[in-house]
Amino acid sequence: MDGSLVANGGYQRVIAANTGGVVNAIAGWSTSLVVTVAAGSHTFAVRRWVNLAGAVNATVSGNNTSPNQGALNVIVLKL
């Protein structure tokens, strides 16, 4: 959020192992986080981190023609 990691949660570990000849392993995932922010503009991002020696890449979402296209939902509650 706003270029920094959130302090309390907001993380999820997903394992999509490419083993036994399986190529392009797909693992569905979802996560949620509730944060309180000050008034004004804020930036939120979903990122992936690959922690494997020799890993090539990991895709978090498909494009607009893919059934694996992701969505980021933000609900604003004004108090």
PDB file of N, CA and C in Angstrom:
ATOM      1  N   MET A   1       0.844  -1.169   0.000  1.00  0.00           N
ATOM      2  CA  MET A   1       0.000   0.000   0.000  1.00  0.00           C
ATOM      3  C   MET A   1       0.892   1.235   0.000  1.00  0.00           C
ATOM      4  N   ASP A   2       0.641   2.124  -0.905  1.00  0.00           N
ATOM      5  CA  ASP A   2       1.419   3.358  -1.021  1.00  0.00           C
ATOM      6  C   ASP A   2       2.924   3.086  -1.127  1.00  0.00           C
ATOM      7  N   GLY A   3       3.294   2.008  -1.813  1.00  0.00           N
ATOM      8  CA  GLY A   3       4.701   1.689  -2.045  1.00  0.00           C
ATOM      9  C   GLY A   3       5.393   0.948  -0.919  1.00  0.00           C
ATOM     10  N   SER A   4       4.669   0.574   0.124  1.00  0.00           N
ATOM     11  CA  SER A   4       5.268  -0.144   1.257  1.00  0.00           C
ATOM     12  C   SER A   4       4.486  -1.418   1.543  1.00  0.00           C
ATOM     13  N   LEU A   5       5.155  -2.373   2.185  1.00  0.00           N
ATOM     14  CA  LEU A   5       4.455  -3.577   2.636  1.00  0.00           C
ATOM     15  C   LEU A   5       3.547  -3.219   3.800  1.00  0.00           C
ATOM     16  N   VAL A   6       2.407  -3.861   3.871  1.00  0.00           N
ATOM     17  CA  VAL A   6       1.516  -3.617   5.004  1.00  0.00           C
ATOM     18  C   VAL A   6       2.094  -4.282   6.241  1.00  0.00           C
ATOM     19  N   ALA A   7       1.837  -3.697   7.396  1.00  0.00           N
ATOM     20  CA  ALA A   7       2.476  -4.154   8.631  1.00  0.00           C
ATOM     21  C   ALA A   7       1.870  -5.437   9.191  1.00  0.00           C
ATOM     22  N   ASN A   8       0.563  -5.620   9.076  1.00  0.00           N
ATOM     23  CA  ASN A   8      -0.101  -6.742   9.747  1.00  0.00           C
ATOM     24  C   ASN A   8      -0.882  -7.605   8.770  1.00  0.00           C
ATOM     25  N   GLY A   9      -0.208  -8.560   8.158  1.00  0.00           N
ATOM     26  CA  GLY A   9      -0.893  -9.478   7.261  1.00  0.00           C
ATOM     27  C   GLY A   9      -0.831  -9.044   5.814  1.00  0.00           C
ATOM     28  N   GLY A  10      -1.800  -9.526   5.036  1.00  0.00           N
ATOM     29  CA  GLY A  10      -1.821  -9.192   3.629  1.00  0.00           C
ATOM     30  C   GLY A  10      -0.940 -10.097   2.789  1.00  0.00           C
ATOM     31  N   TYR A  11      -0.483 -11.200   3.359  1.00  0.00           N
ATOM     32  CA  TYR A  11       0.405 -12.118   2.650  1.00  0.00           C
ATOM     33  C   TYR A  11      -0.263 -13.477   2.517  1.00  0.00           C
ATOM     34  N   GLN A  12       0.075 -14.175   1.458  1.00  0.00           N
ATOM     35  CA  GLN A  12      -0.400 -15.545   1.306  1.00  0.00           C
ATOM     36  C   GLN A  12       0.641 -16.339   0.537  1.00  0.00           C
ATOM     37  N   ARG A  13       0.933 -17.531   1.000  1.00  0.00           N
ATOM     38  CA  ARG A  13       1.861 -18.424   0.307  1.00  0.00           C
ATOM     39  C   ARG A  13       1.067 -19.381  -0.560  1.00  0.00           C
ATOM     40  N   VAL A  14       1.408 -19.436  -1.843  1.00  0.00           N
ATOM     41  CA  VAL A  14       0.758 -20.338  -2.784  1.00  0.00           C
ATOM     42  C   VAL A  14       1.846 -21.189  -3.420  1.00  0.00           C
ATOM     43  N   ILE A  15       1.636 -22.492  -3.433  1.00  0.00           N
ATOM     44  CA  ILE A  15       2.609 -23.399  -4.043  1.00  0.00           C
ATOM     45  C   ILE A  15       1.960 -24.035  -5.266  1.00  0.00           C
ATOM     46  N   ALA A  16       2.544 -23.776  -6.419  1.00  0.00           N
ATOM     47  CA  ALA A  16       2.104 -24.392  -7.677  1.00  0.00           C
ATOM     48  C   ALA A  16       3.320 -25.118  -8.228  1.00  0.00           C
ATOM     49  N   ALA A  17       3.528 -26.336  -7.776  1.00  0.00           N
ATOM     50  CA  ALA A  17       4.736 -27.077  -8.096  1.00  0.00           C
ATOM     51  C   ALA A  17       4.710 -27.598  -9.525  1.00  0.00           C
ATOM     52  N   ASN A  18       5.792 -27.388 -10.222  1.00  0.00           N
ATOM     53  CA  ASN A  18       5.977 -27.903 -11.576  1.00  0.00           C
ATOM     54  C   ASN A  18       6.751 -29.216 -11.454  1.00  0.00           C
ATOM     55  N   THR A  19       6.043 -30.273 -11.052  1.00  0.00           N
ATOM     56  CA  THR A  19       6.689 -31.568 -10.816  1.00  0.00           C
ATOM     57  C   THR A  19       6.009 -32.646 -11.649  1.00  0.00           C
ATOM     58  N   GLY A  20       6.668 -33.734 -11.841  1.00  0.00           N
ATOM     59  CA  GLY A  20       6.089 -34.875 -12.531  1.00  0.00           C
ATOM     60  C   GLY A  20       5.701 -34.584 -13.968  1.00  0.00           C
ATOM     61  N   GLY A  21       6.411 -33.665 -14.617  1.00  0.00           N
ATOM     62  CA  GLY A  21       6.125 -33.362 -16.003  1.00  0.00           C
ATOM     63  C   GLY A  21       4.969 -32.397 -16.220  1.00  0.00           C
ATOM     64  N   VAL A  22       4.394 -31.883 -15.124  1.00  0.00           N
ATOM     65  CA  VAL A  22       3.313 -30.905 -15.256  1.00  0.00           C
ATOM     66  C   VAL A  22       3.922 -29.566 -15.635  1.00  0.00           C
ATOM     67  N   VAL A  23       3.449 -28.989 -16.718  1.00  0.00           N
ATOM     68  CA  VAL A  23       3.951 -27.696 -17.159  1.00  0.00           C
ATOM     69  C   VAL A  23       2.848 -26.659 -16.969  1.00  0.00           C
ATOM     70  N   ASN A  24       3.215 -25.472 -16.595  1.00  0.00           N
ATOM     71  CA  ASN A  24       2.266 -24.386 -16.363  1.00  0.00           C
ATOM     72  C   ASN A  24       1.239 -24.756 -15.297  1.00  0.00           C
ATOM     73  N   ALA A  25       1.728 -25.182 -14.141  1.00  0.00           N
ATOM     74  CA  ALA A  25       0.837 -25.526 -13.038  1.00  0.00           C
ATOM     75  C   ALA A  25       0.021 -24.298 -12.639  1.00  0.00           C
ATOM     76  N   ILE A  26      -1.271 -24.480 -12.414  1.00  0.00           N
ATOM     77  CA  ILE A  26      -2.155 -23.383 -12.041  1.00  0.00           C
ATOM     78  C   ILE A  26      -2.660 -23.628 -10.628  1.00  0.00           C
ATOM     79  N   ALA A  27      -2.574 -22.611  -9.800  1.00  0.00           N
ATOM     80  CA  ALA A  27      -3.075 -22.696  -8.433  1.00  0.00           C
ATOM     81  C   ALA A  27      -3.955 -21.487  -8.175  1.00  0.00           C
ATOM     82  N   GLY A  28      -5.231 -21.712  -7.910  1.00  0.00           N
ATOM     83  CA  GLY A  28      -6.127 -20.603  -7.595  1.00  0.00           C
ATOM     84  C   GLY A  28      -5.813 -20.056  -6.215  1.00  0.00           C
ATOM     85  N   TRP A  29      -6.050 -18.783  -6.026  1.00  0.00           N
ATOM     86  CA  TRP A  29      -5.785 -18.174  -4.735  1.00  0.00           C
ATOM     87  C   TRP A  29      -6.661 -16.940  -4.560  1.00  0.00           C
ATOM     88  N   SER A  30      -6.836 -16.549  -3.322  1.00  0.00           N
ATOM     89  CA  SER A  30      -7.486 -15.291  -2.989  1.00  0.00           C
ATOM     90  C   SER A  30      -6.963 -14.856  -1.634  1.00  0.00           C
ATOM     91  N   THR A  31      -7.071 -13.598  -1.360  1.00  0.00           N
ATOM     92  CA  THR A  31      -6.648 -13.075  -0.063  1.00  0.00           C
ATOM     93  C   THR A  31      -7.463 -11.831   0.236  1.00  0.00           C
ATOM     94  N   SER A  32      -7.522 -11.453   1.483  1.00  0.00           N
ATOM     95  CA  SER A  32      -8.233 -10.233   1.838  1.00  0.00           C
ATOM     96  C   SER A  32      -7.465  -9.516   2.936  1.00  0.00           C
ATOM     97  N   LEU A  33      -7.705  -8.230   3.015  1.00  0.00           N
ATOM     98  CA  LEU A  33      -7.011  -7.405   3.999  1.00  0.00           C
ATOM     99  C   LEU A  33      -7.879  -6.194   4.293  1.00  0.00           C
ATOM    100  N   VAL A  34      -7.987  -5.840   5.546  1.00  0.00           N
ATOM    101  CA  VAL A  34      -8.711  -4.643   5.946  1.00  0.00           C
ATOM    102  C   VAL A  34      -7.692  -3.650   6.482  1.00  0.00           C
ATOM    103  N   VAL A  35      -7.678  -2.460   5.918  1.00  0.00           N
ATOM    104  CA  VAL A  35      -6.764  -1.416   6.389  1.00  0.00           C
ATOM    105  C   VAL A  35      -7.539  -0.121   6.616  1.00  0.00           C
ATOM    106  N   THR A  36      -7.077   0.658   7.563  1.00  0.00           N
ATOM    107  CA  THR A  36      -7.614   1.988   7.792  1.00  0.00           C
ATOM    108  C   THR A  36      -6.604   2.976   7.241  1.00  0.00           C
ATOM    109  N   VAL A  37      -7.063   3.869   6.392  1.00  0.00           N
ATOM    110  CA  VAL A  37      -6.160   4.838   5.769  1.00  0.00           C
ATOM    111  C   VAL A  37      -6.638   6.250   6.058  1.00  0.00           C
ATOM    112  N   ALA A  38      -5.707   7.176   5.992  1.00  0.00           N
ATOM    113  CA  ALA A  38      -6.039   8.593   6.162  1.00  0.00           C
ATOM    114  C   ALA A  38      -6.740   9.092   4.908  1.00  0.00           C
ATOM    115  N   ALA A  39      -7.410  10.212   5.011  1.00  0.00           N
ATOM    116  CA  ALA A  39      -8.072  10.813   3.853  1.00  0.00           C
ATOM    117  C   ALA A  39      -7.030  11.129   2.781  1.00  0.00           C
ATOM    118  N   GLY A  40      -7.431  11.014   1.518  1.00  0.00           N
ATOM    119  CA  GLY A  40      -6.524  11.325   0.419  1.00  0.00           C
ATOM    120  C   GLY A  40      -6.405  10.163  -0.537  1.00  0.00           C
ATOM    121  N   SER A  41      -5.479  10.265  -1.474  1.00  0.00           N
ATOM    122  CA  SER A  41      -5.265   9.225  -2.488  1.00  0.00           C
ATOM    123  C   SER A  41      -4.282   8.186  -1.976  1.00  0.00           C
ATOM    124  N   HIS A  42      -4.513   6.931  -2.367  1.00  0.00           N
ATOM    125  CA  HIS A  42      -3.646   5.831  -1.963  1.00  0.00           C
ATOM    126  C   HIS A  42      -3.466   4.877  -3.139  1.00  0.00           C
ATOM    127  N   THR A  43      -2.345   4.151  -3.149  1.00  0.00           N
ATOM    128  CA  THR A  43      -2.043   3.186  -4.197  1.00  0.00           C
ATOM    129  C   THR A  43      -1.942   1.801  -3.567  1.00  0.00           C
ATOM    130  N   PHE A  44      -2.642   0.830  -4.178  1.00  0.00           N
ATOM    131  CA  PHE A  44      -2.599  -0.556  -3.711  1.00  0.00           C
ATOM    132  C   PHE A  44      -2.052  -1.421  -4.829  1.00  0.00           C
ATOM    133  N   ALA A  45      -1.272  -2.438  -4.490  1.00  0.00           N
ATOM    134  CA  ALA A  45      -0.691  -3.318  -5.498  1.00  0.00           C
ATOM    135  C   ALA A  45      -0.715  -4.756  -5.007  1.00  0.00           C
ATOM    136  N   VAL A  46      -0.872  -5.678  -5.952  1.00  0.00           N
ATOM    137  CA  VAL A  46      -0.741  -7.102  -5.685  1.00  0.00           C
ATOM    138  C   VAL A  46       0.543  -7.536  -6.372  1.00  0.00           C
ATOM    139  N   ARG A  47       1.430  -8.169  -5.641  1.00  0.00           N
ATOM    140  CA  ARG A  47       2.726  -8.559  -6.212  1.00  0.00           C
ATOM    141  C   ARG A  47       2.999 -10.017  -5.935  1.00  0.00           C
ATOM    142  N   ARG A  48       3.877 -10.568  -6.742  1.00  0.00           N
ATOM    143  CA  ARG A  48       4.302 -11.949  -6.539  1.00  0.00           C
ATOM    144  C   ARG A  48       5.798 -11.965  -6.295  1.00  0.00           C
ATOM    145  N   TRP A  49       6.211 -12.970  -5.541  1.00  0.00           N
ATOM    146  CA  TRP A  49       7.630 -13.152  -5.272  1.00  0.00           C
ATOM    147  C   TRP A  49       7.936 -14.629  -5.435  1.00  0.00           C
ATOM    148  N   VAL A  50       8.888 -14.939  -6.282  1.00  0.00           N
ATOM    149  CA  VAL A  50       9.288 -16.331  -6.517  1.00  0.00           C
ATOM    150  C   VAL A  50      10.548 -16.585  -5.716  1.00  0.00           C
ATOM    151  N   ASN A  51      10.504 -17.581  -4.851  1.00  0.00           N
ATOM    152  CA  ASN A  51      11.634 -17.886  -3.985  1.00  0.00           C
ATOM    153  C   ASN A  51      12.165 -19.278  -4.289  1.00  0.00           C
ATOM    154  N   LEU A  52      12.560 -19.489  -5.532  1.00  0.00           N
ATOM    155  CA  LEU A  52      13.095 -20.787  -5.924  1.00  0.00           C
ATOM    156  C   LEU A  52      14.363 -20.579  -6.729  1.00  0.00           C
ATOM    157  N   ALA A  53      15.366 -21.365  -6.438  1.00  0.00           N
ATOM    158  CA  ALA A  53      16.607 -21.286  -7.211  1.00  0.00           C
ATOM    159  C   ALA A  53      16.322 -21.726  -8.639  1.00  0.00           C
ATOM    160  N   GLY A  54      16.669 -20.886  -9.594  1.00  0.00           N
ATOM    161  CA  GLY A  54      16.484 -21.228 -10.991  1.00  0.00           C
ATOM    162  C   GLY A  54      15.082 -21.026 -11.512  1.00  0.00           C
ATOM    163  N   ALA A  55      14.179 -20.484 -10.695  1.00  0.00           N
ATOM    164  CA  ALA A  55      12.805 -20.261 -11.154  1.00  0.00           C
ATOM    165  C   ALA A  55      12.801 -19.228 -12.272  1.00  0.00           C
ATOM    166  N   VAL A  56      11.982 -19.470 -13.255  1.00  0.00           N
ATOM    167  CA  VAL A  56      11.935 -18.581 -14.413  1.00  0.00           C
ATOM    168  C   VAL A  56      10.996 -17.416 -14.161  1.00  0.00           C
ATOM    169  N   ASN A  57       9.761 -17.683 -13.815  1.00  0.00           N
ATOM    170  CA  ASN A  57       8.788 -16.625 -13.660  1.00  0.00           C
ATOM    171  C   ASN A  57       7.528 -17.167 -12.998  1.00  0.00           C
ATOM    172  N   ALA A  58       6.670 -16.281 -12.586  1.00  0.00           N
ATOM    173  CA  ALA A  58       5.357 -16.653 -12.074  1.00  0.00           C
ATOM    174  C   ALA A  58       4.374 -15.587 -12.530  1.00  0.00           C
ATOM    175  N   THR A  59       3.227 -16.013 -12.998  1.00  0.00           N
ATOM    176  CA  THR A  59       2.201 -15.081 -13.456  1.00  0.00           C
ATOM    177  C   THR A  59       1.090 -15.031 -12.421  1.00  0.00           C
ATOM    178  N   VAL A  60       0.709 -13.838 -12.009  1.00  0.00           N
ATOM    179  CA  VAL A  60      -0.322 -13.677 -10.989  1.00  0.00           C
ATOM    180  C   VAL A  60      -1.715 -13.709 -11.596  1.00  0.00           C
ATOM    181  N   SER A  61      -1.849 -13.264 -12.840  1.00  0.00           N
ATOM    182  CA  SER A  61      -3.168 -13.155 -13.456  1.00  0.00           C
ATOM    183  C   SER A  61      -3.047 -13.276 -14.965  1.00  0.00           C
ATOM    184  N   GLY A  62      -4.134 -13.688 -15.599  1.00  0.00           N
ATOM    185  CA  GLY A  62      -4.172 -13.697 -17.053  1.00  0.00           C
ATOM    186  C   GLY A  62      -4.571 -12.327 -17.583  1.00  0.00           C
ATOM    187  N   ASN A  63      -4.560 -12.183 -18.897  1.00  0.00           N
ATOM    188  CA  ASN A  63      -4.984 -10.910 -19.502  1.00  0.00           C
ATOM    189  C   ASN A  63      -6.509 -10.898 -19.681  1.00  0.00           C
ATOM    190  N   ASN A  64      -7.029  -9.891 -20.394  1.00  0.00           N
ATOM    191  CA  ASN A  64      -8.478  -9.735 -20.508  1.00  0.00           C
ATOM    192  C   ASN A  64      -9.153 -10.808 -21.363  1.00  0.00           C
ATOM    193  N   THR A  65      -8.401 -11.681 -22.028  1.00  0.00           N
ATOM    194  CA  THR A  65      -9.002 -12.773 -22.793  1.00  0.00           C
ATOM    195  C   THR A  65      -8.863 -14.118 -22.077  1.00  0.00           C
ATOM    196  N   SER A  66      -8.271 -14.121 -20.905  1.00  0.00           N
ATOM    197  CA  SER A  66      -7.976 -15.355 -20.188  1.00  0.00           C
ATOM    198  C   SER A  66      -9.040 -15.674 -19.139  1.00  0.00           C
ATOM    199  N   PRO A  67      -9.390 -16.963 -18.980  1.00  0.00           N
ATOM    200  CA  PRO A  67     -10.285 -17.328 -17.888  1.00  0.00           C
ATOM    201  C   PRO A  67      -9.596 -17.192 -16.531  1.00  0.00           C
ATOM    202  N   ASN A  68      -8.277 -16.966 -16.542  1.00  0.00           N
ATOM    203  CA  ASN A  68      -7.513 -16.792 -15.305  1.00  0.00           C
ATOM    204  C   ASN A  68      -7.276 -15.320 -14.983  1.00  0.00           C
ATOM    205  N   GLN A  69      -8.065 -14.434 -15.573  1.00  0.00           N
ATOM    206  CA  GLN A  69      -7.907 -13.002 -15.307  1.00  0.00           C
ATOM    207  C   GLN A  69      -8.283 -12.702 -13.867  1.00  0.00           C
ATOM    208  N   GLY A  70      -7.456 -11.951 -13.202  1.00  0.00           N
ATOM    209  CA  GLY A  70      -7.694 -11.600 -11.805  1.00  0.00           C
ATOM    210  C   GLY A  70      -8.527 -10.347 -11.650  1.00  0.00           C
ATOM    211  N   ALA A  71      -8.916 -10.088 -10.419  1.00  0.00           N
ATOM    212  CA  ALA A  71      -9.685  -8.883 -10.103  1.00  0.00           C
ATOM    213  C   ALA A  71      -9.239  -8.366  -8.736  1.00  0.00           C
ATOM    214  N   LEU A  72      -9.151  -7.080  -8.617  1.00  0.00           N
ATOM    215  CA  LEU A  72      -8.863  -6.444  -7.333  1.00  0.00           C
ATOM    216  C   LEU A  72     -10.102  -5.648  -6.953  1.00  0.00           C
ATOM    217  N   ASN A  73     -10.710  -6.018  -5.834  1.00  0.00           N
ATOM    218  CA  ASN A  73     -11.912  -5.328  -5.368  1.00  0.00           C
ATOM    219  C   ASN A  73     -11.562  -4.468  -4.169  1.00  0.00           C
ATOM    220  N   VAL A  74     -11.988  -3.230  -4.195  1.00  0.00           N
ATOM    221  CA  VAL A  74     -11.765  -2.313  -3.091  1.00  0.00           C
ATOM    222  C   VAL A  74     -13.128  -1.795  -2.639  1.00  0.00           C
ATOM    223  N   ILE A  75     -13.375  -1.907  -1.353  1.00  0.00           N
ATOM    224  CA  ILE A  75     -14.609  -1.394  -0.782  1.00  0.00           C
ATOM    225  C   ILE A  75     -14.236  -0.244   0.136  1.00  0.00           C
ATOM    226  N   VAL A  76     -14.807   0.907  -0.096  1.00  0.00           N
ATOM    227  CA  VAL A  76     -14.517   2.088   0.700  1.00  0.00           C
ATOM    228  C   VAL A  76     -15.698   2.335   1.627  1.00  0.00           C
ATOM    229  N   LEU A  77     -15.432   2.340   2.924  1.00  0.00           N
ATOM    230  CA  LEU A  77     -16.457   2.658   3.910  1.00  0.00           C
ATOM    231  C   LEU A  77     -16.106   4.011   4.503  1.00  0.00           C
ATOM    232  N   LYS A  78     -16.921   4.983   4.234  1.00  0.00           N
ATOM    233  CA  LYS A  78     -16.680   6.328   4.721  1.00  0.00           C
ATOM    234  C   LYS A  78     -17.400   6.495   6.049  1.00  0.00           C
ATOM    235  N   LEU A  79     -16.647   6.799   7.067  1.00  0.00           N
ATOM    236  CA  LEU A  79     -17.246   6.931   8.402  1.00  0.00           C
ATOM    237  C   LEU A  79     -17.484   8.366   8.766  1.00  0.00           C
TER     238      LEU A  79
END
